[in-house]
Amino acid sequence: MSSAATMTPNGSAKTQPLNPRALTAPTTIQETGLPEELLVQLLVRTLYTQGELTERTAGEIMKLPYGVMKELFTLIQREKLCEVKGHGESLGVLLRYVLTEAGRHRANAFMDLCRYVGPAPVPLNQYIDMIRSQPVNSLTIDRRTVTAATEHLVLTPGTVDQLGEAVNSGWAIFLYGPPGNGKTVLAEAIGKMLEAVGGGEVYIPYAMEVDGQIIQVFDPITHVRVDAPQEAARSLIEAKVEKDTRWVLCKRPI
């Protein structure tokens, strides 16, 4: 392998640290970075599809903590879009909410605008900041790492050199050739290289908001999550969620 400046004697990662605030759970509607109306519409659509919800179950679906859900339910109650159907115990999070007749009419109108129901999105600017904090070109992969990841393949020394330099460039790599020539196994080997230097995992949002529109990002078929789901119920009851669960830790897509 050539002695390109990007190839160092060890496989240590130089990933830029994530901004801690990027993954801190919001405690208010304002801290979500989203328009209030967008969250109201999302909650009303969620109530419409679920029939009835507690603040806890709504928070589990929308991936938002208790403080934010409390604000949202207060807003739609004030507009007479929902009402309390009952409660199990004295804890506020166990109140059961249902849509009023006015709420159902409003939900139909909201459904005409957007049918998305699920985790609340993250703002586009937060998505961009997260991408910039997880760049693949901040990683350095040495010869030993490349060799270990490709030892099960039959490659010429020149091909190994080219592969190492291509991966370290941080640019897109185009693998081409006839069917069965090893493109898939080579791509899998690149994934192993990234994992070996600590760059095999990235945070991906369930969805993002762009100009008032919700775009779904996380795809369970494409993205493989590596984090364990948080105990959302306990966190919501305690009104404390440390991590913004709108983000999912996944294996870096290859």
C-alpha atoms as a PDB file:
ATOM      1  CA  MET A   1       0.000   0.000   0.000  1.00  0.00           C
ATOM      2  CA  SER A   2       1.341   3.420  -0.851  1.00  0.00           C
ATOM      3  CA  SER A   3       2.351   5.798   1.881  1.00  0.00           C
ATOM      4  CA  ALA A   4      -0.474   8.245   1.288  1.00  0.00           C
ATOM      5  CA  ALA A   5      -0.841  10.863   3.969  1.00  0.00           C
ATOM      6  CA  THR A   6      -4.233   9.462   4.946  1.00  0.00           C
ATOM      7  CA  MET A   7      -2.791   6.035   5.764  1.00  0.00           C
ATOM      8  CA  THR A   8      -1.328   6.021   9.270  1.00  0.00           C
ATOM      9  CA  PRO A   9       0.467   3.303  11.234  1.00  0.00           C
ATOM     10  CA  ASN A  10      -2.550   2.679  13.433  1.00  0.00           C
ATOM     11  CA  GLY A  11      -6.285   2.459  12.973  1.00  0.00           C
ATOM     12  CA  SER A  12      -7.310   5.100  15.483  1.00  0.00           C
ATOM     13  CA  ALA A  13     -10.383   7.102  14.656  1.00  0.00           C
ATOM     14  CA  LYS A  14     -10.383  10.869  14.453  1.00  0.00           C
ATOM     15  CA  THR A  15     -14.107  11.298  14.513  1.00  0.00           C
ATOM     16  CA  GLN A  16     -15.276  14.734  15.609  1.00  0.00           C
ATOM     17  CA  PRO A  17     -17.180  14.489  18.884  1.00  0.00           C
ATOM     18  CA  LEU A  18     -20.931  14.829  18.678  1.00  0.00           C
ATOM     19  CA  ASN A  19     -22.387  18.007  20.025  1.00  0.00           C
ATOM     20  CA  PRO A  20     -23.846  16.815  23.368  1.00  0.00           C
ATOM     21  CA  ARG A  21     -26.847  19.110  22.942  1.00  0.00           C
ATOM     22  CA  ALA A  22     -27.748  17.372  19.686  1.00  0.00           C
ATOM     23  CA  LEU A  23     -28.826  14.272  21.604  1.00  0.00           C
ATOM     24  CA  THR A  24     -30.234  15.894  24.733  1.00  0.00           C
ATOM     25  CA  ALA A  25     -33.968  15.355  25.085  1.00  0.00           C
ATOM     26  CA  PRO A  26     -36.058  18.522  24.707  1.00  0.00           C
ATOM     27  CA  THR A  27     -37.996  19.585  27.773  1.00  0.00           C
ATOM     28  CA  THR A  28     -40.321  22.086  26.064  1.00  0.00           C
ATOM     29  CA  ILE A  29     -41.974  22.497  22.673  1.00  0.00           C
ATOM     30  CA  GLN A  30     -39.530  25.283  21.868  1.00  0.00           C
ATOM     31  CA  GLU A  31     -36.544  23.025  22.535  1.00  0.00           C
ATOM     32  CA  THR A  32     -37.746  20.516  19.929  1.00  0.00           C
ATOM     33  CA  GLY A  33     -36.882  23.106  17.280  1.00  0.00           C
ATOM     34  CA  LEU A  34     -40.202  22.390  15.565  1.00  0.00           C
ATOM     35  CA  PRO A  35     -43.207  24.614  14.826  1.00  0.00           C
ATOM     36  CA  GLU A  36     -45.847  24.289  17.518  1.00  0.00           C
ATOM     37  CA  GLU A  37     -48.576  23.751  14.920  1.00  0.00           C
ATOM     38  CA  LEU A  38     -46.706  20.831  13.360  1.00  0.00           C
ATOM     39  CA  LEU A  39     -46.550  19.031  16.719  1.00  0.00           C
ATOM     40  CA  VAL A  40     -50.203  19.799  17.450  1.00  0.00           C
ATOM     41  CA  GLN A  41     -51.226  18.320  14.105  1.00  0.00           C
ATOM     42  CA  LEU A  42     -49.063  15.255  14.704  1.00  0.00           C
ATOM     43  CA  LEU A  43     -50.603  14.662  18.136  1.00  0.00           C
ATOM     44  CA  VAL A  44     -54.161  15.091  16.832  1.00  0.00           C
ATOM     45  CA  ARG A  45     -53.484  12.645  13.984  1.00  0.00           C
ATOM     46  CA  THR A  46     -51.976  10.205  16.486  1.00  0.00           C
ATOM     47  CA  LEU A  47     -55.052  10.441  18.718  1.00  0.00           C
ATOM     48  CA  TYR A  48     -57.250   9.977  15.655  1.00  0.00           C
ATOM     49  CA  THR A  49     -55.520   6.748  14.633  1.00  0.00           C
ATOM     50  CA  GLN A  50     -55.137   5.342  18.164  1.00  0.00           C
ATOM     51  CA  GLY A  51     -58.580   6.186  19.540  1.00  0.00           C
ATOM     52  CA  GLU A  52     -57.336   7.151  22.992  1.00  0.00           C
ATOM     53  CA  LEU A  53     -53.940   7.865  24.502  1.00  0.00           C
ATOM     54  CA  THR A  54     -52.264   8.704  27.773  1.00  0.00           C
ATOM     55  CA  GLU A  55     -49.417  11.194  27.830  1.00  0.00           C
ATOM     56  CA  ARG A  56     -47.125   8.211  28.318  1.00  0.00           C
ATOM     57  CA  THR A  57     -48.290   6.209  25.302  1.00  0.00           C
ATOM     58  CA  ALA A  58     -48.409   9.325  23.133  1.00  0.00           C
ATOM     59  CA  GLY A  59     -44.835  10.110  24.166  1.00  0.00           C
ATOM     60  CA  GLU A  60     -43.736   6.578  23.299  1.00  0.00           C
ATOM     61  CA  ILE A  61     -45.196   6.917  19.808  1.00  0.00           C
ATOM     62  CA  MET A  62     -43.945  10.454  19.171  1.00  0.00           C
ATOM     63  CA  LYS A  63     -40.591   9.871  20.950  1.00  0.00           C
ATOM     64  CA  LEU A  64     -41.039  12.982  23.082  1.00  0.00           C
ATOM     65  CA  PRO A  65     -40.687  13.305  26.880  1.00  0.00           C
ATOM     66  CA  TYR A  66     -43.412  14.036  29.371  1.00  0.00           C
ATOM     67  CA  GLY A  67     -42.807  17.788  29.609  1.00  0.00           C
ATOM     68  CA  VAL A  68     -43.352  18.277  25.893  1.00  0.00           C
ATOM     69  CA  MET A  69     -46.388  15.992  25.782  1.00  0.00           C
ATOM     70  CA  LYS A  70     -47.940  17.817  28.733  1.00  0.00           C
ATOM     71  CA  GLU A  71     -47.604  21.112  26.862  1.00  0.00           C
ATOM     72  CA  LEU A  72     -49.131  19.640  23.718  1.00  0.00           C
ATOM     73  CA  PHE A  73     -52.114  18.085  25.480  1.00  0.00           C
ATOM     74  CA  THR A  74     -52.720  21.369  27.288  1.00  0.00           C
ATOM     75  CA  LEU A  75     -52.774  23.165  23.925  1.00  0.00           C
ATOM     76  CA  ILE A  76     -55.250  20.839  22.247  1.00  0.00           C
ATOM     77  CA  GLN A  77     -57.440  20.761  25.363  1.00  0.00           C
ATOM     78  CA  ARG A  78     -57.517  24.557  25.319  1.00  0.00           C
ATOM     79  CA  GLU A  79     -58.714  24.415  21.702  1.00  0.00           C
ATOM     80  CA  LYS A  80     -61.326  21.825  22.753  1.00  0.00           C
ATOM     81  CA  LEU A  81     -59.873  19.239  20.394  1.00  0.00           C
ATOM     82  CA  CYS A  82     -59.588  16.559  23.084  1.00  0.00           C
ATOM     83  CA  GLU A  83     -61.042  15.681  26.448  1.00  0.00           C
ATOM     84  CA  VAL A  84     -60.150  13.448  29.373  1.00  0.00           C
ATOM     85  CA  LYS A  85     -62.003  10.146  29.209  1.00  0.00           C
ATOM     86  CA  GLY A  86     -60.785   8.847  32.545  1.00  0.00           C
ATOM     87  CA  HIS A  87     -57.738   7.860  34.508  1.00  0.00           C
ATOM     88  CA  GLY A  88     -56.349   4.836  36.269  1.00  0.00           C
ATOM     89  CA  GLU A  89     -54.564   6.349  39.246  1.00  0.00           C
ATOM     90  CA  SER A  90     -53.695   9.780  40.569  1.00  0.00           C
ATOM     91  CA  LEU A  91     -50.635  10.129  38.324  1.00  0.00           C
ATOM     92  CA  GLY A  92     -51.249  12.705  35.605  1.00  0.00           C
ATOM     93  CA  VAL A  93     -49.527  10.579  32.978  1.00  0.00           C
ATOM     94  CA  LEU A  94     -52.277   7.985  33.301  1.00  0.00           C
ATOM     95  CA  LEU A  95     -55.045  10.344  32.166  1.00  0.00           C
ATOM     96  CA  ARG A  96     -56.728   8.957  29.048  1.00  0.00           C
ATOM     97  CA  TYR A  97     -57.435  11.445  26.281  1.00  0.00           C
ATOM     98  CA  VAL A  98     -59.830  11.134  23.342  1.00  0.00           C
ATOM     99  CA  LEU A  99     -60.711  13.522  20.541  1.00  0.00           C
ATOM    100  CA  THR A 100     -63.846  15.603  20.769  1.00  0.00           C
ATOM    101  CA  GLU A 101     -66.197  15.938  17.800  1.00  0.00           C
ATOM    102  CA  ALA A 102     -64.365  19.144  16.871  1.00  0.00           C
ATOM    103  CA  GLY A 103     -61.083  17.287  17.256  1.00  0.00           C
ATOM    104  CA  ARG A 104     -62.172  14.550  14.851  1.00  0.00           C
ATOM    105  CA  HIS A 105     -63.175  17.137  12.256  1.00  0.00           C
ATOM    106  CA  ARG A 106     -59.810  18.847  12.679  1.00  0.00           C
ATOM    107  CA  ALA A 107     -58.010  15.494  12.456  1.00  0.00           C
ATOM    108  CA  ASN A 108     -59.648  14.795   9.091  1.00  0.00           C
ATOM    109  CA  ALA A 109     -58.434  18.159   7.841  1.00  0.00           C
ATOM    110  CA  PHE A 110     -54.933  17.440   9.162  1.00  0.00           C
ATOM    111  CA  MET A 111     -54.980  14.017   7.467  1.00  0.00           C
ATOM    112  CA  ASP A 112     -55.711  15.716   4.146  1.00  0.00           C
ATOM    113  CA  LEU A 113     -52.548  17.775   4.606  1.00  0.00           C
ATOM    114  CA  CYS A 114     -50.283  14.967   5.846  1.00  0.00           C
ATOM    115  CA  ARG A 115     -50.971  11.376   6.833  1.00  0.00           C
ATOM    116  CA  TYR A 116     -47.725  10.845   8.742  1.00  0.00           C
ATOM    117  CA  VAL A 117     -48.135   9.377  12.234  1.00  0.00           C
ATOM    118  CA  GLY A 118     -45.117   8.332  14.259  1.00  0.00           C
ATOM    119  CA  PRO A 119     -42.016   9.761  15.930  1.00  0.00           C
ATOM    120  CA  ALA A 120     -41.730  13.539  15.872  1.00  0.00           C
ATOM    121  CA  PRO A 121     -39.207  14.757  13.299  1.00  0.00           C
ATOM    122  CA  VAL A 122     -36.027  16.697  13.939  1.00  0.00           C
ATOM    123  CA  PRO A 123     -35.461  20.084  12.267  1.00  0.00           C
ATOM    124  CA  LEU A 124     -33.428  20.121   9.056  1.00  0.00           C
ATOM    125  CA  ASN A 125     -30.672  22.209  10.665  1.00  0.00           C
ATOM    126  CA  GLN A 126     -30.236  19.626  13.456  1.00  0.00           C
ATOM    127  CA  TYR A 127     -30.084  16.870  10.849  1.00  0.00           C
ATOM    128  CA  ILE A 128     -27.361  18.750   8.953  1.00  0.00           C
ATOM    129  CA  ASP A 129     -25.390  19.370  12.165  1.00  0.00           C
ATOM    130  CA  MET A 130     -25.582  15.668  13.001  1.00  0.00           C
ATOM    131  CA  ILE A 131     -24.335  14.664   9.548  1.00  0.00           C
ATOM    132  CA  ARG A 132     -21.403  17.048   9.862  1.00  0.00           C
ATOM    133  CA  SER A 133     -20.507  15.632  13.269  1.00  0.00           C
ATOM    134  CA  GLN A 134     -20.350  12.074  11.906  1.00  0.00           C
ATOM    135  CA  PRO A 135     -18.256  12.389   8.705  1.00  0.00           C
ATOM    136  CA  VAL A 136     -16.631   9.307   7.274  1.00  0.00           C
ATOM    137  CA  ASN A 137     -13.660  11.390   6.104  1.00  0.00           C
ATOM    138  CA  SER A 138     -12.674  12.031   9.718  1.00  0.00           C
ATOM    139  CA  LEU A 139     -11.701   8.363  10.042  1.00  0.00           C
ATOM    140  CA  THR A 140      -8.252   6.971   9.273  1.00  0.00           C
ATOM    141  CA  ILE A 141      -7.859   3.336   8.239  1.00  0.00           C
ATOM    142  CA  ASP A 142      -4.398   1.732   8.083  1.00  0.00           C
ATOM    143  CA  ARG A 143      -3.066  -1.184   6.037  1.00  0.00           C
ATOM    144  CA  ARG A 144      -3.539  -3.670   8.885  1.00  0.00           C
ATOM    145  CA  THR A 145      -7.230  -2.820   9.134  1.00  0.00           C
ATOM    146  CA  VAL A 146      -7.761  -3.108   5.380  1.00  0.00           C
ATOM    147  CA  THR A 147      -5.912  -6.430   5.268  1.00  0.00           C
ATOM    148  CA  ALA A 148      -7.909  -7.867   8.173  1.00  0.00           C
ATOM    149  CA  ALA A 149     -11.218  -6.864   6.580  1.00  0.00           C
ATOM    150  CA  THR A 150     -10.322  -8.383   3.198  1.00  0.00           C
ATOM    151  CA  GLU A 151      -8.369 -11.473   4.263  1.00  0.00           C
ATOM    152  CA  HIS A 152     -11.219 -13.745   3.146  1.00  0.00           C
ATOM    153  CA  LEU A 153     -11.077 -12.278  -0.370  1.00  0.00           C
ATOM    154  CA  VAL A 154      -8.658 -12.979  -3.204  1.00  0.00           C
ATOM    155  CA  LEU A 155      -7.332  -9.528  -4.124  1.00  0.00           C
ATOM    156  CA  THR A 156      -4.149  -8.367  -5.777  1.00  0.00           C
ATOM    157  CA  PRO A 157      -1.852  -6.116  -3.706  1.00  0.00           C
ATOM    158  CA  GLY A 158      -2.700  -3.286  -6.074  1.00  0.00           C
ATOM    159  CA  THR A 159      -6.412  -3.694  -5.456  1.00  0.00           C
ATOM    160  CA  VAL A 160      -5.855  -3.629  -1.696  1.00  0.00           C
ATOM    161  CA  ASP A 161      -3.856  -0.408  -2.114  1.00  0.00           C
ATOM    162  CA  GLN A 162      -6.604   1.183  -4.200  1.00  0.00           C
ATOM    163  CA  LEU A 163      -9.296   0.113  -1.767  1.00  0.00           C
ATOM    164  CA  GLY A 164      -7.475   1.556   1.235  1.00  0.00           C
ATOM    165  CA  GLU A 165      -6.864   4.869  -0.499  1.00  0.00           C
ATOM    166  CA  ALA A 166     -10.453   5.047  -1.747  1.00  0.00           C
ATOM    167  CA  VAL A 167     -11.926   4.440   1.713  1.00  0.00           C
ATOM    168  CA  ASN A 168      -9.601   6.985   3.321  1.00  0.00           C
ATOM    169  CA  SER A 169     -10.557   9.625   0.753  1.00  0.00           C
ATOM    170  CA  GLY A 170     -13.970   9.992   2.390  1.00  0.00           C
ATOM    171  CA  TRP A 171     -15.610  10.304  -1.022  1.00  0.00           C
ATOM    172  CA  ALA A 172     -18.268   8.089  -2.598  1.00  0.00           C
ATOM    173  CA  ILE A 173     -16.971   4.809  -4.018  1.00  0.00           C
ATOM    174  CA  PHE A 174     -18.511   3.305  -7.151  1.00  0.00           C
ATOM    175  CA  LEU A 175     -18.184  -0.480  -7.309  1.00  0.00           C
ATOM    176  CA  TYR A 176     -19.009  -1.842 -10.743  1.00  0.00           C
ATOM    177  CA  GLY A 177     -18.693  -5.013 -12.790  1.00  0.00           C
ATOM    178  CA  PRO A 178     -20.694  -8.020 -13.964  1.00  0.00           C
ATOM    179  CA  PRO A 179     -22.906  -9.989 -11.566  1.00  0.00           C
ATOM    180  CA  GLY A 180     -20.996 -12.250  -9.216  1.00  0.00           C
ATOM    181  CA  ASN A 181     -17.655 -10.438  -9.344  1.00  0.00           C
ATOM    182  CA  GLY A 182     -17.647  -9.648  -5.608  1.00  0.00           C
ATOM    183  CA  LYS A 183     -19.124  -6.152  -5.356  1.00  0.00           C
ATOM    184  CA  THR A 184     -21.324  -7.034  -2.383  1.00  0.00           C
ATOM    185  CA  VAL A 185     -18.638  -8.811  -0.361  1.00  0.00           C
ATOM    186  CA  LEU A 186     -16.255  -5.927  -1.053  1.00  0.00           C
ATOM    187  CA  ALA A 187     -18.840  -3.441   0.228  1.00  0.00           C
ATOM    188  CA  GLU A 188     -19.288  -5.582   3.347  1.00  0.00           C
ATOM    189  CA  ALA A 189     -15.520  -5.529   3.855  1.00  0.00           C
ATOM    190  CA  ILE A 190     -15.579  -1.725   3.733  1.00  0.00           C
ATOM    191  CA  GLY A 191     -18.218  -1.806   6.461  1.00  0.00           C
ATOM    192  CA  LYS A 192     -15.919  -3.954   8.610  1.00  0.00           C
ATOM    193  CA  MET A 193     -13.092  -1.436   8.136  1.00  0.00           C
ATOM    194  CA  LEU A 194     -15.292   1.400   9.362  1.00  0.00           C
ATOM    195  CA  GLU A 195     -16.449  -0.618  12.371  1.00  0.00           C
ATOM    196  CA  ALA A 196     -12.839  -1.456  13.241  1.00  0.00           C
ATOM    197  CA  VAL A 197     -11.931   2.223  13.653  1.00  0.00           C
ATOM    198  CA  GLY A 198     -15.066   3.270  15.499  1.00  0.00           C
ATOM    199  CA  GLY A 199     -16.925   4.730  12.543  1.00  0.00           C
ATOM    200  CA  GLY A 200     -19.398   1.945  12.003  1.00  0.00           C
ATOM    201  CA  GLU A 201     -22.280   3.599  13.861  1.00  0.00           C
ATOM    202  CA  VAL A 202     -24.207   6.788  13.155  1.00  0.00           C
ATOM    203  CA  TYR A 203     -27.267   8.533  14.570  1.00  0.00           C
ATOM    204  CA  ILE A 204     -30.200   8.710  12.166  1.00  0.00           C
ATOM    205  CA  PRO A 205     -33.515  10.461  12.881  1.00  0.00           C
ATOM    206  CA  TYR A 206     -36.829   8.722  12.443  1.00  0.00           C
ATOM    207  CA  ALA A 207     -37.923  11.733  10.399  1.00  0.00           C
ATOM    208  CA  MET A 208     -36.977  15.325   9.658  1.00  0.00           C
ATOM    209  CA  GLU A 209     -38.964  18.513   9.108  1.00  0.00           C
ATOM    210  CA  VAL A 210     -38.344  20.690   6.055  1.00  0.00           C
ATOM    211  CA  ASP A 211     -40.464  23.802   5.490  1.00  0.00           C
ATOM    212  CA  GLY A 212     -43.323  22.348   7.504  1.00  0.00           C
ATOM    213  CA  GLN A 213     -43.222  18.977   5.729  1.00  0.00           C
ATOM    214  CA  ILE A 214     -42.274  15.703   7.449  1.00  0.00           C
ATOM    215  CA  ILE A 215     -39.858  13.433   5.590  1.00  0.00           C
ATOM    216  CA  GLN A 216     -39.345   9.925   6.939  1.00  0.00           C
ATOM    217  CA  VAL A 217     -35.636   9.020   7.145  1.00  0.00           C
ATOM    218  CA  PHE A 218     -35.283   5.874   9.250  1.00  0.00           C
ATOM    219  CA  ASP A 219     -36.141   2.726   7.304  1.00  0.00           C
ATOM    220  CA  PRO A 220     -36.060  -0.536   9.314  1.00  0.00           C
ATOM    221  CA  ILE A 221     -35.296  -2.443   6.106  1.00  0.00           C
ATOM    222  CA  THR A 222     -32.260  -0.316   5.222  1.00  0.00           C
ATOM    223  CA  HIS A 223     -31.052   0.802   8.645  1.00  0.00           C
ATOM    224  CA  VAL A 224     -29.929  -1.636  11.334  1.00  0.00           C
ATOM    225  CA  ARG A 225     -30.362  -0.152  14.804  1.00  0.00           C
ATOM    226  CA  VAL A 226     -27.759  -1.021  17.407  1.00  0.00           C
ATOM    227  CA  ASP A 227     -29.092   0.737  20.495  1.00  0.00           C
ATOM    228  CA  ALA A 228     -31.511  -0.866  22.929  1.00  0.00           C
ATOM    229  CA  PRO A 229     -34.903   0.872  23.165  1.00  0.00           C
ATOM    230  CA  GLN A 230     -35.065   3.036  26.257  1.00  0.00           C
ATOM    231  CA  GLU A 231     -37.476   2.336  29.066  1.00  0.00           C
ATOM    232  CA  ALA A 232     -39.711   5.136  27.889  1.00  0.00           C
ATOM    233  CA  ALA A 233     -42.504   4.505  30.384  1.00  0.00           C
ATOM    234  CA  ARG A 234     -40.266   4.919  33.412  1.00  0.00           C
ATOM    235  CA  SER A 235     -38.595   8.007  31.965  1.00  0.00           C
ATOM    236  CA  LEU A 236     -41.899   9.667  31.143  1.00  0.00           C
ATOM    237  CA  ILE A 237     -43.354   9.048  34.591  1.00  0.00           C
ATOM    238  CA  GLU A 238     -40.264  10.584  36.147  1.00  0.00           C
ATOM    239  CA  ALA A 239     -40.564  13.488  33.688  1.00  0.00           C
ATOM    240  CA  LYS A 240     -36.943  12.873  32.809  1.00  0.00           C
ATOM    241  CA  VAL A 241     -35.477  11.548  29.566  1.00  0.00           C
ATOM    242  CA  GLU A 242     -31.743  11.971  29.128  1.00  0.00           C
ATOM    243  CA  LYS A 243     -31.479  11.172  25.413  1.00  0.00           C
ATOM    244  CA  ASP A 244     -33.465  12.572  22.518  1.00  0.00           C
ATOM    245  CA  THR A 245     -35.164   9.386  21.345  1.00  0.00           C
ATOM    246  CA  ARG A 246     -36.070  10.945  18.001  1.00  0.00           C
ATOM    247  CA  TRP A 247     -32.585   9.747  16.999  1.00  0.00           C
ATOM    248  CA  VAL A 248     -31.696   6.097  16.412  1.00  0.00           C
ATOM    249  CA  LEU A 249     -28.158   4.714  16.677  1.00  0.00           C
ATOM    250  CA  CYS A 250     -27.632   2.544  13.587  1.00  0.00           C
ATOM    251  CA  LYS A 251     -24.889   0.778  11.720  1.00  0.00           C
ATOM    252  CA  ARG A 252     -23.489   3.143   9.110  1.00  0.00           C
ATOM    253  CA  PRO A 253     -25.327   2.345   5.849  1.00  0.00           C
ATOM    254  CA  ILE A 254     -22.995   0.836   3.259  1.00  0.00           C
END
